[in-house]
Amino acid sequence: MKDFLLFRRMIAPITIQILFWLGALGSIGAGAVLAINSRQESAKLLGAGAIVLGPLAVRLLCEILILFFRMNETLTDIKRASPRTP
């Protein structure tokens, strides 16, 4: 709890994972609605593309965001493991 209050423990990676699942479900749902309710063949293909590519795009964006936090954790581990010189 102390690390959380002193901002040593990040909650953003957990939040980003939640946003990923919401975005993936949202893109699948929007693609399904578009594919089912459209009368034009091109709109149906666009809906099918959103079902397949939507979660992939959301995943890539979330991975880029999480990458910064992983780098921060790795640098913190290196800092803790390195000997301190005066």
N, C-alpha and C. Protein backbone atom coordinates (compact mmCIF):
# COMPACT_ATOMS: atom_id res chain seq x y z
N MET A 1 0.82 -1.19 0.00
CA MET A 1 0.00 0.00 0.00
C MET A 1 0.86 1.26 0.00
N LYS A 2 2.00 1.16 0.68
CA LYS A 2 2.90 2.31 0.75
C LYS A 2 3.42 2.66 -0.65
N ASP A 3 3.81 1.61 -1.41
CA ASP A 3 4.29 1.85 -2.77
C ASP A 3 3.22 2.49 -3.65
N PHE A 4 1.98 2.08 -3.44
CA PHE A 4 0.87 2.65 -4.21
C PHE A 4 0.70 4.13 -3.87
N LEU A 5 0.74 4.47 -2.60
CA LEU A 5 0.54 5.85 -2.18
C LEU A 5 1.71 6.76 -2.56
N LEU A 6 2.90 6.19 -2.68
CA LEU A 6 4.07 6.98 -3.06
C LEU A 6 4.35 6.93 -4.57
N PHE A 7 3.40 6.40 -5.34
CA PHE A 7 3.49 6.31 -6.80
C PHE A 7 4.68 5.47 -7.27
N ARG A 8 5.08 4.49 -6.49
CA ARG A 8 6.10 3.54 -6.94
C ARG A 8 5.46 2.37 -7.67
N ARG A 9 4.24 2.09 -7.34
CA ARG A 9 3.47 1.02 -8.01
C ARG A 9 2.50 1.69 -8.96
N MET A 10 2.58 1.33 -10.22
CA MET A 10 1.74 1.94 -11.25
C MET A 10 0.43 1.18 -11.42
N ILE A 11 -0.65 1.91 -11.57
CA ILE A 11 -1.94 1.28 -11.85
C ILE A 11 -2.32 1.42 -13.33
N ALA A 12 -1.56 2.21 -14.06
CA ALA A 12 -1.88 2.42 -15.48
C ALA A 12 -1.83 1.13 -16.29
N PRO A 13 -0.86 0.22 -16.08
CA PRO A 13 -0.89 -1.02 -16.88
C PRO A 13 -2.17 -1.83 -16.69
N ILE A 14 -2.67 -1.87 -15.49
CA ILE A 14 -3.93 -2.58 -15.24
C ILE A 14 -5.08 -1.87 -15.93
N THR A 15 -5.09 -0.55 -15.86
CA THR A 15 -6.12 0.24 -16.52
C THR A 15 -6.05 0.04 -18.03
N ILE A 16 -4.86 -0.01 -18.59
CA ILE A 16 -4.70 -0.21 -20.03
C ILE A 16 -5.22 -1.59 -20.44
N GLN A 17 -5.00 -2.61 -19.61
CA GLN A 17 -5.53 -3.94 -19.92
C GLN A 17 -7.05 -3.94 -19.92
N ILE A 18 -7.64 -3.24 -18.98
CA ILE A 18 -9.11 -3.14 -18.94
C ILE A 18 -9.61 -2.41 -20.19
N LEU A 19 -8.93 -1.33 -20.56
CA LEU A 19 -9.33 -0.59 -21.77
C LEU A 19 -9.17 -1.45 -23.02
N PHE A 20 -8.16 -2.32 -23.03
CA PHE A 20 -8.00 -3.22 -24.18
C PHE A 20 -9.23 -4.11 -24.33
N TRP A 21 -9.65 -4.74 -23.23
CA TRP A 21 -10.79 -5.65 -23.33
C TRP A 21 -12.06 -4.90 -23.71
N LEU A 22 -12.24 -3.71 -23.17
CA LEU A 22 -13.41 -2.91 -23.56
C LEU A 22 -13.35 -2.52 -25.03
N GLY A 23 -12.16 -2.12 -25.49
CA GLY A 23 -12.01 -1.76 -26.89
C GLY A 23 -12.18 -2.94 -27.83
N ALA A 24 -11.67 -4.09 -27.44
CA ALA A 24 -11.81 -5.29 -28.27
C ALA A 24 -13.29 -5.71 -28.37
N LEU A 25 -13.96 -5.72 -27.23
CA LEU A 25 -15.39 -6.06 -27.25
C LEU A 25 -16.20 -5.03 -28.03
N GLY A 26 -15.83 -3.76 -27.87
CA GLY A 26 -16.53 -2.70 -28.61
C GLY A 26 -16.34 -2.81 -30.11
N SER A 27 -15.13 -3.10 -30.55
CA SER A 27 -14.89 -3.21 -31.99
C SER A 27 -15.56 -4.45 -32.56
N ILE A 28 -15.57 -5.53 -31.80
CA ILE A 28 -16.27 -6.74 -32.27
C ILE A 28 -17.78 -6.48 -32.34
N GLY A 29 -18.32 -5.83 -31.32
CA GLY A 29 -19.75 -5.53 -31.31
C GLY A 29 -20.14 -4.57 -32.42
N ALA A 30 -19.35 -3.52 -32.61
CA ALA A 30 -19.66 -2.56 -33.67
C ALA A 30 -19.53 -3.20 -35.05
N GLY A 31 -18.51 -4.05 -35.22
CA GLY A 31 -18.37 -4.75 -36.50
C GLY A 31 -19.51 -5.70 -36.76
N ALA A 32 -19.97 -6.39 -35.71
CA ALA A 32 -21.09 -7.32 -35.87
C ALA A 32 -22.37 -6.57 -36.23
N VAL A 33 -22.61 -5.46 -35.56
CA VAL A 33 -23.80 -4.66 -35.87
C VAL A 33 -23.74 -4.15 -37.30
N LEU A 34 -22.57 -3.67 -37.70
CA LEU A 34 -22.42 -3.16 -39.06
C LEU A 34 -22.59 -4.28 -40.08
N ALA A 35 -22.03 -5.44 -39.82
CA ALA A 35 -22.13 -6.56 -40.76
C ALA A 35 -23.55 -7.11 -40.86
N ILE A 36 -24.25 -7.11 -39.75
CA ILE A 36 -25.60 -7.69 -39.75
C ILE A 36 -26.64 -6.72 -40.27
N ASN A 37 -26.57 -5.46 -39.86
CA ASN A 37 -27.63 -4.51 -40.18
C ASN A 37 -27.44 -3.76 -41.50
N SER A 38 -26.34 -3.94 -42.18
CA SER A 38 -26.12 -3.19 -43.42
C SER A 38 -26.70 -3.94 -44.61
N ARG A 39 -27.11 -3.16 -45.60
CA ARG A 39 -27.66 -3.76 -46.82
C ARG A 39 -26.64 -3.82 -47.93
N GLN A 40 -25.63 -2.98 -47.85
CA GLN A 40 -24.61 -2.97 -48.89
C GLN A 40 -23.53 -4.01 -48.59
N GLU A 41 -23.05 -4.63 -49.64
CA GLU A 41 -22.03 -5.67 -49.47
C GLU A 41 -20.72 -5.09 -48.95
N SER A 42 -20.39 -3.87 -49.38
CA SER A 42 -19.14 -3.25 -48.92
C SER A 42 -19.20 -2.94 -47.43
N ALA A 43 -20.35 -2.57 -46.92
CA ALA A 43 -20.49 -2.29 -45.49
C ALA A 43 -20.40 -3.58 -44.69
N LYS A 44 -20.90 -4.68 -45.25
CA LYS A 44 -20.79 -5.97 -44.57
C LYS A 44 -19.34 -6.40 -44.48
N LEU A 45 -18.58 -6.16 -45.56
CA LEU A 45 -17.15 -6.48 -45.54
C LEU A 45 -16.41 -5.59 -44.56
N LEU A 46 -16.81 -4.34 -44.48
CA LEU A 46 -16.21 -3.42 -43.52
C LEU A 46 -16.48 -3.88 -42.09
N GLY A 47 -17.68 -4.35 -41.83
CA GLY A 47 -18.01 -4.89 -40.51
C GLY A 47 -17.21 -6.13 -40.18
N ALA A 48 -17.04 -7.01 -41.16
CA ALA A 48 -16.23 -8.21 -40.94
C ALA A 48 -14.77 -7.83 -40.70
N GLY A 49 -14.30 -6.83 -41.41
CA GLY A 49 -12.94 -6.35 -41.19
C GLY A 49 -12.76 -5.74 -39.81
N ALA A 50 -13.78 -5.04 -39.33
CA ALA A 50 -13.72 -4.46 -37.99
C ALA A 50 -13.69 -5.55 -36.93
N ILE A 51 -14.39 -6.63 -37.15
CA ILE A 51 -14.39 -7.74 -36.20
C ILE A 51 -13.00 -8.35 -36.10
N VAL A 52 -12.31 -8.48 -37.23
CA VAL A 52 -11.00 -9.12 -37.25
C VAL A 52 -9.88 -8.13 -36.89
N LEU A 53 -9.88 -6.97 -37.54
CA LEU A 53 -8.77 -6.03 -37.38
C LEU A 53 -8.93 -5.07 -36.20
N GLY A 54 -10.15 -4.87 -35.74
CA GLY A 54 -10.39 -3.96 -34.62
C GLY A 54 -9.66 -4.37 -33.35
N PRO A 55 -9.84 -5.60 -32.88
CA PRO A 55 -9.10 -6.03 -31.69
C PRO A 55 -7.58 -6.02 -31.88
N LEU A 56 -7.13 -6.30 -33.08
CA LEU A 56 -5.70 -6.27 -33.37
C LEU A 56 -5.15 -4.84 -33.23
N ALA A 57 -5.88 -3.88 -33.77
CA ALA A 57 -5.45 -2.48 -33.67
C ALA A 57 -5.46 -2.00 -32.22
N VAL A 58 -6.49 -2.37 -31.48
CA VAL A 58 -6.57 -1.99 -30.07
C VAL A 58 -5.43 -2.62 -29.30
N ARG A 59 -5.11 -3.87 -29.60
CA ARG A 59 -4.01 -4.57 -28.93
C ARG A 59 -2.67 -3.87 -29.19
N LEU A 60 -2.43 -3.49 -30.43
CA LEU A 60 -1.17 -2.82 -30.77
C LEU A 60 -1.04 -1.49 -30.03
N LEU A 61 -2.10 -0.73 -29.98
CA LEU A 61 -2.06 0.56 -29.27
C LEU A 61 -1.81 0.36 -27.78
N CYS A 62 -2.47 -0.62 -27.20
CA CYS A 62 -2.28 -0.88 -25.77
C CYS A 62 -0.88 -1.41 -25.48
N GLU A 63 -0.33 -2.23 -26.38
CA GLU A 63 1.03 -2.72 -26.18
C GLU A 63 2.05 -1.58 -26.22
N ILE A 64 1.83 -0.63 -27.10
CA ILE A 64 2.73 0.52 -27.16
C ILE A 64 2.67 1.31 -25.85
N LEU A 65 1.49 1.47 -25.31
CA LEU A 65 1.36 2.19 -24.04
C LEU A 65 2.01 1.43 -22.89
N ILE A 66 1.80 0.13 -22.84
CA ILE A 66 2.37 -0.68 -21.76
C ILE A 66 3.89 -0.77 -21.88
N LEU A 67 4.40 -0.67 -23.08
CA LEU A 67 5.84 -0.74 -23.30
C LEU A 67 6.58 0.29 -22.46
N PHE A 68 6.05 1.49 -22.37
CA PHE A 68 6.69 2.53 -21.57
C PHE A 68 6.75 2.16 -20.09
N PHE A 69 5.72 1.55 -19.60
CA PHE A 69 5.71 1.14 -18.20
C PHE A 69 6.66 -0.03 -17.95
N ARG A 70 6.76 -0.94 -18.90
CA ARG A 70 7.71 -2.05 -18.77
C ARG A 70 9.15 -1.53 -18.78
N MET A 71 9.42 -0.54 -19.64
CA MET A 71 10.76 0.06 -19.65
C MET A 71 11.07 0.71 -18.31
N ASN A 72 10.08 1.38 -17.75
CA ASN A 72 10.27 2.02 -16.45
C ASN A 72 10.57 0.98 -15.38
N GLU A 73 9.84 -0.12 -15.38
CA GLU A 73 10.08 -1.19 -14.40
C GLU A 73 11.47 -1.78 -14.56
N THR A 74 11.89 -2.01 -15.80
CA THR A 74 13.21 -2.58 -16.05
C THR A 74 14.31 -1.63 -15.60
N LEU A 75 14.16 -0.36 -15.90
CA LEU A 75 15.16 0.61 -15.47
C LEU A 75 15.21 0.72 -13.95
N THR A 76 14.07 0.60 -13.30
CA THR A 76 14.03 0.63 -11.84
C THR A 76 14.74 -0.60 -11.27
N ASP A 77 14.53 -1.77 -11.88
CA ASP A 77 15.23 -2.98 -11.43
C ASP A 77 16.74 -2.85 -11.61
N ILE A 78 17.16 -2.27 -12.74
CA ILE A 78 18.59 -2.06 -12.98
C ILE A 78 19.16 -1.10 -11.95
N LYS A 79 18.41 -0.06 -11.65
CA LYS A 79 18.87 0.93 -10.66
C LYS A 79 19.03 0.27 -9.29
N ARG A 80 18.10 -0.56 -8.91
CA ARG A 80 18.16 -1.23 -7.61
C ARG A 80 19.30 -2.25 -7.55
N ALA A 81 19.59 -2.90 -8.66
CA ALA A 81 20.61 -3.95 -8.69
C ALA A 81 22.02 -3.38 -8.83
N SER A 82 22.15 -2.17 -9.33
CA SER A 82 23.50 -1.63 -9.56
C SER A 82 24.09 -1.13 -8.23
N PRO A 83 25.38 -1.33 -8.07
CA PRO A 83 26.02 -0.84 -6.83
C PRO A 83 26.08 0.69 -6.83
N ARG A 84 25.91 1.23 -5.67
CA ARG A 84 25.92 2.71 -5.56
C ARG A 84 27.37 3.16 -5.38
N THR A 85 27.72 4.14 -6.18
CA THR A 85 29.06 4.70 -6.07
C THR A 85 28.97 6.12 -5.53
N PRO A 86 29.87 6.51 -4.65
CA PRO A 86 29.78 7.86 -4.08
C PRO A 86 30.16 8.94 -5.04
